[in-house]
All heavy atoms as atom14 arrays in JSON, in Angstrom:
{
  "sequence": "NAGKGPAVFTAAQSALARVGIKLGAAVHAQSGYYGGYIGKPETVKSVG",
  "atom14_mask": [
    [1, 1, 1, 1, 1, 1, 1, 1, 0, 0, 0, 0, 0, 0],
    [1, 1, 1, 1, 1, 0, 0, 0, 0, 0, 0, 0, 0, 0],
    [1, 1, 1, 1, 0, 0, 0, 0, 0, 0, 0, 0, 0, 0],
    [1, 1, 1, 1, 1, 1, 1, 1, 1, 0, 0, 0, 0, 0],
    [1, 1, 1, 1, 0, 0, 0, 0, 0, 0, 0, 0, 0, 0],
    [1, 1, 1, 1, 1, 1, 1, 0, 0, 0, 0, 0, 0, 0],
    [1, 1, 1, 1, 1, 0, 0, 0, 0, 0, 0, 0, 0, 0],
    [1, 1, 1, 1, 1, 1, 1, 0, 0, 0, 0, 0, 0, 0],
    [1, 1, 1, 1, 1, 1, 1, 1, 1, 1, 1, 0, 0, 0],
    [1, 1, 1, 1, 1, 1, 1, 0, 0, 0, 0, 0, 0, 0],
    [1, 1, 1, 1, 1, 0, 0, 0, 0, 0, 0, 0, 0, 0],
    [1, 1, 1, 1, 1, 0, 0, 0, 0, 0, 0, 0, 0, 0],
    [1, 1, 1, 1, 1, 1, 1, 1, 1, 0, 0, 0, 0, 0],
    [1, 1, 1, 1, 1, 1, 0, 0, 0, 0, 0, 0, 0, 0],
    [1, 1, 1, 1, 1, 0, 0, 0, 0, 0, 0, 0, 0, 0],
    [1, 1, 1, 1, 1, 1, 1, 1, 0, 0, 0, 0, 0, 0],
    [1, 1, 1, 1, 1, 0, 0, 0, 0, 0, 0, 0, 0, 0],
    [1, 1, 1, 1, 1, 1, 1, 1, 1, 1, 1, 0, 0, 0],
    [1, 1, 1, 1, 1, 1, 1, 0, 0, 0, 0, 0, 0, 0],
    [1, 1, 1, 1, 0, 0, 0, 0, 0, 0, 0, 0, 0, 0],
    [1, 1, 1, 1, 1, 1, 1, 1, 0, 0, 0, 0, 0, 0],
    [1, 1, 1, 1, 1, 1, 1, 1, 1, 0, 0, 0, 0, 0],
    [1, 1, 1, 1, 1, 1, 1, 1, 0, 0, 0, 0, 0, 0],
    [1, 1, 1, 1, 0, 0, 0, 0, 0, 0, 0, 0, 0, 0],
    [1, 1, 1, 1, 1, 0, 0, 0, 0, 0, 0, 0, 0, 0],
    [1, 1, 1, 1, 1, 0, 0, 0, 0, 0, 0, 0, 0, 0],
    [1, 1, 1, 1, 1, 1, 1, 0, 0, 0, 0, 0, 0, 0],
    [1, 1, 1, 1, 1, 1, 1, 1, 1, 1, 0, 0, 0, 0],
    [1, 1, 1, 1, 1, 0, 0, 0, 0, 0, 0, 0, 0, 0],
    [1, 1, 1, 1, 1, 1, 1, 1, 1, 0, 0, 0, 0, 0],
    [1, 1, 1, 1, 1, 1, 0, 0, 0, 0, 0, 0, 0, 0],
    [1, 1, 1, 1, 0, 0, 0, 0, 0, 0, 0, 0, 0, 0],
    [1, 1, 1, 1, 1, 1, 1, 1, 1, 1, 1, 1, 0, 0],
    [1, 1, 1, 1, 1, 1, 1, 1, 1, 1, 1, 1, 0, 0],
    [1, 1, 1, 1, 0, 0, 0, 0, 0, 0, 0, 0, 0, 0],
    [1, 1, 1, 1, 0, 0, 0, 0, 0, 0, 0, 0, 0, 0],
    [1, 1, 1, 1, 1, 1, 1, 1, 1, 1, 1, 1, 0, 0],
    [1, 1, 1, 1, 1, 1, 1, 1, 0, 0, 0, 0, 0, 0],
    [1, 1, 1, 1, 0, 0, 0, 0, 0, 0, 0, 0, 0, 0],
    [1, 1, 1, 1, 1, 1, 1, 1, 1, 0, 0, 0, 0, 0],
    [1, 1, 1, 1, 1, 1, 1, 0, 0, 0, 0, 0, 0, 0],
    [1, 1, 1, 1, 1, 1, 1, 1, 1, 0, 0, 0, 0, 0],
    [1, 1, 1, 1, 1, 1, 1, 0, 0, 0, 0, 0, 0, 0],
    [1, 1, 1, 1, 1, 1, 1, 0, 0, 0, 0, 0, 0, 0],
    [1, 1, 1, 1, 1, 1, 1, 1, 1, 0, 0, 0, 0, 0],
    [1, 1, 1, 1, 1, 1, 0, 0, 0, 0, 0, 0, 0, 0],
    [1, 1, 1, 1, 1, 1, 1, 0, 0, 0, 0, 0, 0, 0],
    [1, 1, 1, 1, 0, 0, 0, 0, 0, 0, 0, 0, 0, 0]
  ],
  "atom14_positions": [
    [[97.13, 158.73, 94.03], [96.21, 157.62, 94.22], [96.55, 156.44, 93.31], [95.77, 156.02, 92.46], [94.77, 158.07, 93.97], [93.75, 157.06, 94.47], [94.05, 156.27, 95.36], [92.56, 157.09, 93.91], [0.0, 0.0, 0.0], [0.0, 0.0, 0.0], [0.0, 0.0, 0.0], [0.0, 0.0, 0.0], [0.0, 0.0, 0.0], [0.0, 0.0, 0.0]],
    [[97.77, 155.94, 93.47], [98.24, 154.79, 92.7], [99.42, 154.2, 93.44], [99.98, 154.82, 94.34], [98.63, 155.2, 91.28], [0.0, 0.0, 0.0], [0.0, 0.0, 0.0], [0.0, 0.0, 0.0], [0.0, 0.0, 0.0], [0.0, 0.0, 0.0], [0.0, 0.0, 0.0], [0.0, 0.0, 0.0], [0.0, 0.0, 0.0], [0.0, 0.0, 0.0]],
    [[99.82, 152.98, 93.05], [100.97, 152.36, 93.68], [100.8, 152.22, 95.17], [99.77, 151.77, 95.67], [0.0, 0.0, 0.0], [0.0, 0.0, 0.0], [0.0, 0.0, 0.0], [0.0, 0.0, 0.0], [0.0, 0.0, 0.0], [0.0, 0.0, 0.0], [0.0, 0.0, 0.0], [0.0, 0.0, 0.0], [0.0, 0.0, 0.0], [0.0, 0.0, 0.0]],
    [[101.78, 152.65, 95.94], [101.78, 152.5, 97.39], [101.16, 153.68, 98.13], [101.02, 153.65, 99.35], [103.2, 152.25, 97.88], [103.84, 151.0, 97.27], [105.14, 150.66, 97.93], [105.84, 149.48, 97.26], [105.01, 148.38, 96.88], [0.0, 0.0, 0.0], [0.0, 0.0, 0.0], [0.0, 0.0, 0.0], [0.0, 0.0, 0.0], [0.0, 0.0, 0.0]],
    [[100.79, 154.73, 97.39], [100.19, 155.9, 98.02], [98.96, 155.59, 98.86], [98.87, 156.03, 100.01], [0.0, 0.0, 0.0], [0.0, 0.0, 0.0], [0.0, 0.0, 0.0], [0.0, 0.0, 0.0], [0.0, 0.0, 0.0], [0.0, 0.0, 0.0], [0.0, 0.0, 0.0], [0.0, 0.0, 0.0], [0.0, 0.0, 0.0], [0.0, 0.0, 0.0]],
    [[97.98, 154.84, 98.33], [96.8, 154.54, 99.13], [97.1, 153.74, 100.4], [96.49, 153.98, 101.44], [95.92, 153.73, 98.17], [96.35, 154.18, 96.8], [97.82, 154.41, 96.92], [0.0, 0.0, 0.0], [0.0, 0.0, 0.0], [0.0, 0.0, 0.0], [0.0, 0.0, 0.0], [0.0, 0.0, 0.0], [0.0, 0.0, 0.0], [0.0, 0.0, 0.0]],
    [[98.04, 152.8, 100.33], [98.37, 152.0, 101.51], [99.03, 152.85, 102.59], [98.76, 152.68, 103.79], [99.29, 150.84, 101.12], [0.0, 0.0, 0.0], [0.0, 0.0, 0.0], [0.0, 0.0, 0.0], [0.0, 0.0, 0.0], [0.0, 0.0, 0.0], [0.0, 0.0, 0.0], [0.0, 0.0, 0.0], [0.0, 0.0, 0.0], [0.0, 0.0, 0.0]],
    [[99.88, 153.79, 102.17], [100.51, 154.7, 103.13], [99.44, 155.59, 103.77], [99.45, 155.83, 104.99], [101.6, 155.55, 102.45], [102.09, 156.66, 103.37], [102.77, 154.66, 102.03], [0.0, 0.0, 0.0], [0.0, 0.0, 0.0], [0.0, 0.0, 0.0], [0.0, 0.0, 0.0], [0.0, 0.0, 0.0], [0.0, 0.0, 0.0], [0.0, 0.0, 0.0]],
    [[98.51, 156.09, 102.96], [97.42, 156.91, 103.5], [96.61, 156.13, 104.53], [96.32, 156.64, 105.63], [96.5, 157.38, 102.37], [95.21, 157.98, 102.85], [95.19, 159.24, 103.43], [94.02, 157.28, 102.75], [94.0, 159.79, 103.9], [92.83, 157.82, 103.21], [92.82, 159.08, 103.79], [0.0, 0.0, 0.0], [0.0, 0.0, 0.0], [0.0, 0.0, 0.0]],
    [[96.24, 154.9, 104.23], [95.43, 154.1, 105.14], [96.17, 153.85, 106.45], [95.57, 153.91, 107.53], [95.06, 152.76, 104.47], [94.28, 153.02, 103.31], [94.25, 151.88, 105.42], [0.0, 0.0, 0.0], [0.0, 0.0, 0.0], [0.0, 0.0, 0.0], [0.0, 0.0, 0.0], [0.0, 0.0, 0.0], [0.0, 0.0, 0.0], [0.0, 0.0, 0.0]],
    [[97.48, 153.57, 106.36], [98.26, 153.34, 107.58], [98.31, 154.59, 108.45], [98.16, 154.52, 109.68], [99.67, 152.9, 107.21], [0.0, 0.0, 0.0], [0.0, 0.0, 0.0], [0.0, 0.0, 0.0], [0.0, 0.0, 0.0], [0.0, 0.0, 0.0], [0.0, 0.0, 0.0], [0.0, 0.0, 0.0], [0.0, 0.0, 0.0], [0.0, 0.0, 0.0]],
    [[98.51, 155.76, 107.83], [98.54, 157.01, 108.58], [97.17, 157.35, 109.16], [97.05, 157.8, 110.31], [99.03, 158.15, 107.69], [0.0, 0.0, 0.0], [0.0, 0.0, 0.0], [0.0, 0.0, 0.0], [0.0, 0.0, 0.0], [0.0, 0.0, 0.0], [0.0, 0.0, 0.0], [0.0, 0.0, 0.0], [0.0, 0.0, 0.0], [0.0, 0.0, 0.0]],
    [[96.14, 157.13, 108.39], [94.78, 157.42, 108.83], [94.43, 156.59, 110.07], [93.88, 157.12, 111.05], [93.81, 157.11, 107.7], [92.36, 157.49, 107.98], [91.46, 157.1, 106.82], [91.5, 155.96, 106.34], [90.65, 158.05, 106.35], [0.0, 0.0, 0.0], [0.0, 0.0, 0.0], [0.0, 0.0, 0.0], [0.0, 0.0, 0.0], [0.0, 0.0, 0.0]],
    [[94.77, 155.31, 110.05], [94.47, 154.44, 111.19], [95.26, 154.84, 112.42], [94.74, 154.84, 113.54], [94.78, 152.98, 110.83], [93.98, 152.53, 109.77], [0.0, 0.0, 0.0], [0.0, 0.0, 0.0], [0.0, 0.0, 0.0], [0.0, 0.0, 0.0], [0.0, 0.0, 0.0], [0.0, 0.0, 0.0], [0.0, 0.0, 0.0], [0.0, 0.0, 0.0]],
    [[96.54, 155.2, 112.24], [97.38, 155.58, 113.37], [96.88, 156.86, 114.04], [96.76, 156.94, 115.27], [98.82, 155.76, 112.9], [0.0, 0.0, 0.0], [0.0, 0.0, 0.0], [0.0, 0.0, 0.0], [0.0, 0.0, 0.0], [0.0, 0.0, 0.0], [0.0, 0.0, 0.0], [0.0, 0.0, 0.0], [0.0, 0.0, 0.0], [0.0, 0.0, 0.0]],
    [[96.55, 157.87, 113.24], [96.13, 159.16, 113.8], [94.74, 159.09, 114.42], [94.44, 159.82, 115.38], [96.18, 160.23, 112.72], [97.57, 160.5, 112.11], [97.49, 161.63, 111.1], [98.6, 160.82, 113.18], [0.0, 0.0, 0.0], [0.0, 0.0, 0.0], [0.0, 0.0, 0.0], [0.0, 0.0, 0.0], [0.0, 0.0, 0.0], [0.0, 0.0, 0.0]],
    [[93.9, 158.19, 113.92], [92.54, 158.05, 114.47], [92.58, 157.62, 115.93], [91.63, 157.89, 116.69], [91.74, 157.05, 113.65], [0.0, 0.0, 0.0], [0.0, 0.0, 0.0], [0.0, 0.0, 0.0], [0.0, 0.0, 0.0], [0.0, 0.0, 0.0], [0.0, 0.0, 0.0], [0.0, 0.0, 0.0], [0.0, 0.0, 0.0], [0.0, 0.0, 0.0]],
    [[93.67, 156.98, 116.35], [93.77, 156.51, 117.73], [93.78, 157.65, 118.74], [93.47, 157.44, 119.91], [95.05, 155.66, 117.9], [95.06, 154.39, 117.04], [96.37, 153.64, 117.2], [97.53, 154.43, 116.79], [98.8, 154.02, 116.94], [99.06, 152.85, 117.5], [99.78, 154.79, 116.54], [0.0, 0.0, 0.0], [0.0, 0.0, 0.0], [0.0, 0.0, 0.0]],
    [[94.15, 158.87, 118.28], [94.15, 160.02, 119.19], [93.13, 161.07, 118.75], [93.19, 162.23, 119.18], [95.56, 160.64, 119.3], [96.52, 159.65, 119.96], [96.09, 161.09, 117.93], [0.0, 0.0, 0.0], [0.0, 0.0, 0.0], [0.0, 0.0, 0.0], [0.0, 0.0, 0.0], [0.0, 0.0, 0.0], [0.0, 0.0, 0.0], [0.0, 0.0, 0.0]],
    [[92.22, 160.7, 117.86], [91.15, 161.6, 117.47], [91.44, 162.49, 116.29], [90.63, 163.35, 115.94], [0.0, 0.0, 0.0], [0.0, 0.0, 0.0], [0.0, 0.0, 0.0], [0.0, 0.0, 0.0], [0.0, 0.0, 0.0], [0.0, 0.0, 0.0], [0.0, 0.0, 0.0], [0.0, 0.0, 0.0], [0.0, 0.0, 0.0], [0.0, 0.0, 0.0]],
    [[92.58, 162.29, 115.62], [92.9, 163.09, 114.43], [92.29, 162.38, 113.22], [92.65, 161.25, 112.9], [94.42, 163.26, 114.26], [95.01, 163.99, 115.46], [94.73, 164.03, 112.96], [96.53, 164.09, 115.44], [0.0, 0.0, 0.0], [0.0, 0.0, 0.0], [0.0, 0.0, 0.0], [0.0, 0.0, 0.0], [0.0, 0.0, 0.0], [0.0, 0.0, 0.0]],
    [[91.35, 163.06, 112.57], [90.63, 162.47, 111.44], [91.28, 162.92, 110.14], [91.35, 164.12, 109.84], [89.17, 162.89, 111.49], [88.44, 162.43, 112.75], [87.01, 162.96, 112.79], [86.31, 162.53, 114.07], [84.92, 163.08, 114.16], [0.0, 0.0, 0.0], [0.0, 0.0, 0.0], [0.0, 0.0, 0.0], [0.0, 0.0, 0.0], [0.0, 0.0, 0.0]],
    [[91.73, 161.94, 109.37], [92.49, 162.23, 108.16], [91.65, 161.92, 106.93], [91.21, 160.79, 106.72], [93.77, 161.39, 108.14], [94.9, 161.83, 107.2], [95.37, 163.24, 107.54], [96.06, 160.85, 107.3], [0.0, 0.0, 0.0], [0.0, 0.0, 0.0], [0.0, 0.0, 0.0], [0.0, 0.0, 0.0], [0.0, 0.0, 0.0], [0.0, 0.0, 0.0]],
    [[91.43, 162.94, 106.1], [90.74, 162.78, 104.83], [91.72, 162.72, 103.68], [92.91, 163.0, 103.84], [0.0, 0.0, 0.0], [0.0, 0.0, 0.0], [0.0, 0.0, 0.0], [0.0, 0.0, 0.0], [0.0, 0.0, 0.0], [0.0, 0.0, 0.0], [0.0, 0.0, 0.0], [0.0, 0.0, 0.0], [0.0, 0.0, 0.0], [0.0, 0.0, 0.0]],
    [[91.24, 162.38, 102.5], [92.1, 162.18, 101.33], [92.04, 163.38, 100.39], [90.98, 163.96, 100.16], [91.69, 160.92, 100.58], [0.0, 0.0, 0.0], [0.0, 0.0, 0.0], [0.0, 0.0, 0.0], [0.0, 0.0, 0.0], [0.0, 0.0, 0.0], [0.0, 0.0, 0.0], [0.0, 0.0, 0.0], [0.0, 0.0, 0.0], [0.0, 0.0, 0.0]],
    [[93.21, 163.72, 99.82], [93.32, 164.73, 98.77], [94.27, 164.17, 97.72], [95.48, 164.23, 97.88], [93.84, 166.05, 99.33], [0.0, 0.0, 0.0], [0.0, 0.0, 0.0], [0.0, 0.0, 0.0], [0.0, 0.0, 0.0], [0.0, 0.0, 0.0], [0.0, 0.0, 0.0], [0.0, 0.0, 0.0], [0.0, 0.0, 0.0], [0.0, 0.0, 0.0]],
    [[93.73, 163.58, 96.65], [94.54, 162.82, 95.71], [94.86, 163.63, 94.46], [94.15, 164.57, 94.1], [93.85, 161.5, 95.33], [93.61, 160.64, 96.56], [92.53, 161.76, 94.61], [0.0, 0.0, 0.0], [0.0, 0.0, 0.0], [0.0, 0.0, 0.0], [0.0, 0.0, 0.0], [0.0, 0.0, 0.0], [0.0, 0.0, 0.0], [0.0, 0.0, 0.0]],
    [[95.94, 163.22, 93.79], [96.38, 163.94, 92.58], [97.2, 162.98, 91.72], [97.76, 162.0, 92.21], [97.24, 165.15, 92.98], [97.38, 166.17, 91.88], [98.32, 166.07, 90.89], [96.69, 167.31, 91.63], [98.21, 167.12, 90.08], [97.23, 167.88, 90.5], [0.0, 0.0, 0.0], [0.0, 0.0, 0.0], [0.0, 0.0, 0.0], [0.0, 0.0, 0.0]],
    [[97.3, 163.3, 90.42], [98.13, 162.51, 89.5], [99.6, 162.72, 89.81], [100.01, 163.77, 90.34], [97.84, 162.92, 88.06], [0.0, 0.0, 0.0], [0.0, 0.0, 0.0], [0.0, 0.0, 0.0], [0.0, 0.0, 0.0], [0.0, 0.0, 0.0], [0.0, 0.0, 0.0], [0.0, 0.0, 0.0], [0.0, 0.0, 0.0], [0.0, 0.0, 0.0]],
    [[100.44, 161.75, 89.45], [101.87, 161.84, 89.72], [102.53, 163.01, 89.01], [103.36, 163.72, 89.61], [102.58, 160.54, 89.3], [104.09, 160.6, 89.43], [104.77, 159.27, 89.18], [104.72, 158.4, 90.03], [105.39, 159.09, 88.03], [0.0, 0.0, 0.0], [0.0, 0.0, 0.0], [0.0, 0.0, 0.0], [0.0, 0.0, 0.0], [0.0, 0.0, 0.0]],
    [[102.2, 163.24, 87.75], [102.97, 164.18, 86.94], [102.95, 165.61, 87.47], [103.9, 166.34, 87.32], [102.46, 164.17, 85.49], [101.09, 164.51, 85.43], [0.0, 0.0, 0.0], [0.0, 0.0, 0.0], [0.0, 0.0, 0.0], [0.0, 0.0, 0.0], [0.0, 0.0, 0.0], [0.0, 0.0, 0.0], [0.0, 0.0, 0.0], [0.0, 0.0, 0.0]],
    [[101.87, 166.05, 88.1], [101.82, 167.41, 88.62], [101.74, 167.48, 90.13], [101.42, 168.54, 90.68], [0.0, 0.0, 0.0], [0.0, 0.0, 0.0], [0.0, 0.0, 0.0], [0.0, 0.0, 0.0], [0.0, 0.0, 0.0], [0.0, 0.0, 0.0], [0.0, 0.0, 0.0], [0.0, 0.0, 0.0], [0.0, 0.0, 0.0], [0.0, 0.0, 0.0]],
    [[102.07, 166.37, 90.79], [101.84, 166.29, 92.23], [102.66, 167.3, 93.03], [102.13, 168.01, 93.88], [102.12, 164.87, 92.72], [101.97, 164.69, 94.22], [100.72, 164.59, 94.8], [103.09, 164.63, 95.04], [100.57, 164.43, 96.16], [102.95, 164.46, 96.41], [101.7, 164.36, 96.97], [101.56, 164.21, 98.33], [0.0, 0.0, 0.0], [0.0, 0.0, 0.0]],
    [[103.95, 167.36, 92.77], [104.82, 168.23, 93.57], [104.68, 169.7, 93.18], [104.22, 170.53, 93.95], [106.27, 167.77, 93.44], [106.6, 166.52, 94.22], [106.94, 165.34, 93.57], [106.6, 166.51, 95.61], [107.24, 164.19, 94.27], [106.91, 165.37, 96.33], [107.24, 164.21, 95.65], [107.54, 163.07, 96.35], [0.0, 0.0, 0.0], [0.0, 0.0, 0.0]],
    [[105.12, 170.03, 91.96], [105.12, 171.43, 91.56], [103.75, 172.04, 91.38], [103.54, 173.22, 91.61], [0.0, 0.0, 0.0], [0.0, 0.0, 0.0], [0.0, 0.0, 0.0], [0.0, 0.0, 0.0], [0.0, 0.0, 0.0], [0.0, 0.0, 0.0], [0.0, 0.0, 0.0], [0.0, 0.0, 0.0], [0.0, 0.0, 0.0], [0.0, 0.0, 0.0]],
    [[102.77, 171.2, 90.97], [101.45, 171.74, 90.66], [100.4, 171.52, 91.71], [99.25, 171.95, 91.54], [0.0, 0.0, 0.0], [0.0, 0.0, 0.0], [0.0, 0.0, 0.0], [0.0, 0.0, 0.0], [0.0, 0.0, 0.0], [0.0, 0.0, 0.0], [0.0, 0.0, 0.0], [0.0, 0.0, 0.0], [0.0, 0.0, 0.0], [0.0, 0.0, 0.0]],
    [[100.76, 170.87, 92.83], [99.75, 170.57, 93.86], [100.27, 170.92, 95.25], [100.0, 171.99, 95.77], [99.34, 169.1, 93.76], [98.06, 168.75, 94.5], [96.91, 169.49, 94.32], [98.01, 167.65, 95.35], [95.73, 169.15, 94.99], [96.85, 167.3, 96.02], [95.71, 168.06, 95.84], [94.54, 167.73, 96.5], [0.0, 0.0, 0.0], [0.0, 0.0, 0.0]],
    [[101.09, 170.05, 95.85], [101.57, 170.36, 97.21], [102.61, 171.48, 97.19], [102.92, 172.05, 98.24], [102.11, 169.12, 97.93], [103.42, 168.63, 97.31], [101.08, 168.01, 97.96], [104.13, 167.57, 98.15], [0.0, 0.0, 0.0], [0.0, 0.0, 0.0], [0.0, 0.0, 0.0], [0.0, 0.0, 0.0], [0.0, 0.0, 0.0], [0.0, 0.0, 0.0]],
    [[103.15, 171.8, 96.01], [104.11, 172.9, 95.9], [103.45, 174.23, 95.6], [104.15, 175.22, 95.37], [0.0, 0.0, 0.0], [0.0, 0.0, 0.0], [0.0, 0.0, 0.0], [0.0, 0.0, 0.0], [0.0, 0.0, 0.0], [0.0, 0.0, 0.0], [0.0, 0.0, 0.0], [0.0, 0.0, 0.0], [0.0, 0.0, 0.0], [0.0, 0.0, 0.0]],
    [[102.12, 174.3, 95.62], [101.4, 175.56, 95.42], [100.71, 175.94, 96.73], [99.69, 175.34, 97.11], [100.37, 175.41, 94.3], [101.0, 175.36, 92.91], [99.95, 175.46, 91.83], [100.6, 175.54, 90.45], [101.39, 176.77, 90.26], [0.0, 0.0, 0.0], [0.0, 0.0, 0.0], [0.0, 0.0, 0.0], [0.0, 0.0, 0.0], [0.0, 0.0, 0.0]],
    [[101.25, 176.91, 97.46], [100.71, 177.27, 98.78], [99.22, 177.6, 98.76], [98.49, 177.25, 99.7], [101.56, 178.48, 99.19], [102.84, 178.32, 98.45], [102.46, 177.7, 97.14], [0.0, 0.0, 0.0], [0.0, 0.0, 0.0], [0.0, 0.0, 0.0], [0.0, 0.0, 0.0], [0.0, 0.0, 0.0], [0.0, 0.0, 0.0], [0.0, 0.0, 0.0]],
    [[98.75, 178.27, 97.7], [97.34, 178.63, 97.64], [96.46, 177.39, 97.52], [95.35, 177.34, 98.08], [97.08, 179.6, 96.48], [97.36, 179.06, 95.09], [98.81, 179.13, 94.65], [99.7, 179.38, 95.52], [99.07, 178.94, 93.45], [0.0, 0.0, 0.0], [0.0, 0.0, 0.0], [0.0, 0.0, 0.0], [0.0, 0.0, 0.0], [0.0, 0.0, 0.0]],
    [[96.95, 176.37, 96.81], [96.2, 175.12, 96.69], [96.18, 174.37, 98.01], [95.13, 173.84, 98.42], [96.83, 174.23, 95.6], [96.77, 174.91, 94.34], [96.1, 172.91, 95.48], [0.0, 0.0, 0.0], [0.0, 0.0, 0.0], [0.0, 0.0, 0.0], [0.0, 0.0, 0.0], [0.0, 0.0, 0.0], [0.0, 0.0, 0.0], [0.0, 0.0, 0.0]],
    [[97.31, 174.33, 98.69], [97.39, 173.66, 99.99], [96.36, 174.24, 100.95], [95.63, 173.5, 101.63], [98.81, 173.77, 100.57], [98.84, 173.33, 102.03], [99.79, 172.93, 99.74], [0.0, 0.0, 0.0], [0.0, 0.0, 0.0], [0.0, 0.0, 0.0], [0.0, 0.0, 0.0], [0.0, 0.0, 0.0], [0.0, 0.0, 0.0], [0.0, 0.0, 0.0]],
    [[96.26, 175.56, 100.99], [95.31, 176.21, 101.91], [93.87, 176.01, 101.47], [92.99, 175.71, 102.28], [95.63, 177.7, 102.03], [96.9, 178.0, 102.82], [96.96, 179.45, 103.27], [95.96, 179.72, 104.38], [96.12, 181.07, 104.97], [0.0, 0.0, 0.0], [0.0, 0.0, 0.0], [0.0, 0.0, 0.0], [0.0, 0.0, 0.0], [0.0, 0.0, 0.0]],
    [[93.6, 176.18, 100.2], [92.21, 176.09, 99.73], [91.66, 174.67, 99.85], [90.48, 174.47, 100.15], [92.1, 176.59, 98.3], [92.82, 175.76, 97.4], [0.0, 0.0, 0.0], [0.0, 0.0, 0.0], [0.0, 0.0, 0.0], [0.0, 0.0, 0.0], [0.0, 0.0, 0.0], [0.0, 0.0, 0.0], [0.0, 0.0, 0.0], [0.0, 0.0, 0.0]],
    [[92.51, 173.67, 99.62], [92.07, 172.28, 99.73], [92.06, 171.82, 101.18], [91.33, 170.91, 101.55], [92.96, 171.37, 98.86], [92.59, 169.9, 99.02], [92.86, 171.77, 97.39], [0.0, 0.0, 0.0], [0.0, 0.0, 0.0], [0.0, 0.0, 0.0], [0.0, 0.0, 0.0], [0.0, 0.0, 0.0], [0.0, 0.0, 0.0], [0.0, 0.0, 0.0]],
    [[92.85, 172.49, 102.03], [92.95, 172.1, 103.43], [93.89, 170.93, 103.64], [93.65, 170.05, 104.47], [0.0, 0.0, 0.0], [0.0, 0.0, 0.0], [0.0, 0.0, 0.0], [0.0, 0.0, 0.0], [0.0, 0.0, 0.0], [0.0, 0.0, 0.0], [0.0, 0.0, 0.0], [0.0, 0.0, 0.0], [0.0, 0.0, 0.0], [0.0, 0.0, 0.0]]
  ]
}
């Protein structure tokens, strides 16, 4: 949730809404984003 991340999220959210796909936000700090967030399968599932 910094830099260009929010703008990319908004662009994707608007595009997918055109076909009924509703996109919510799941934000994280840069330092642990890959290995500690999207790289943890249990977190991906629990957060949805």
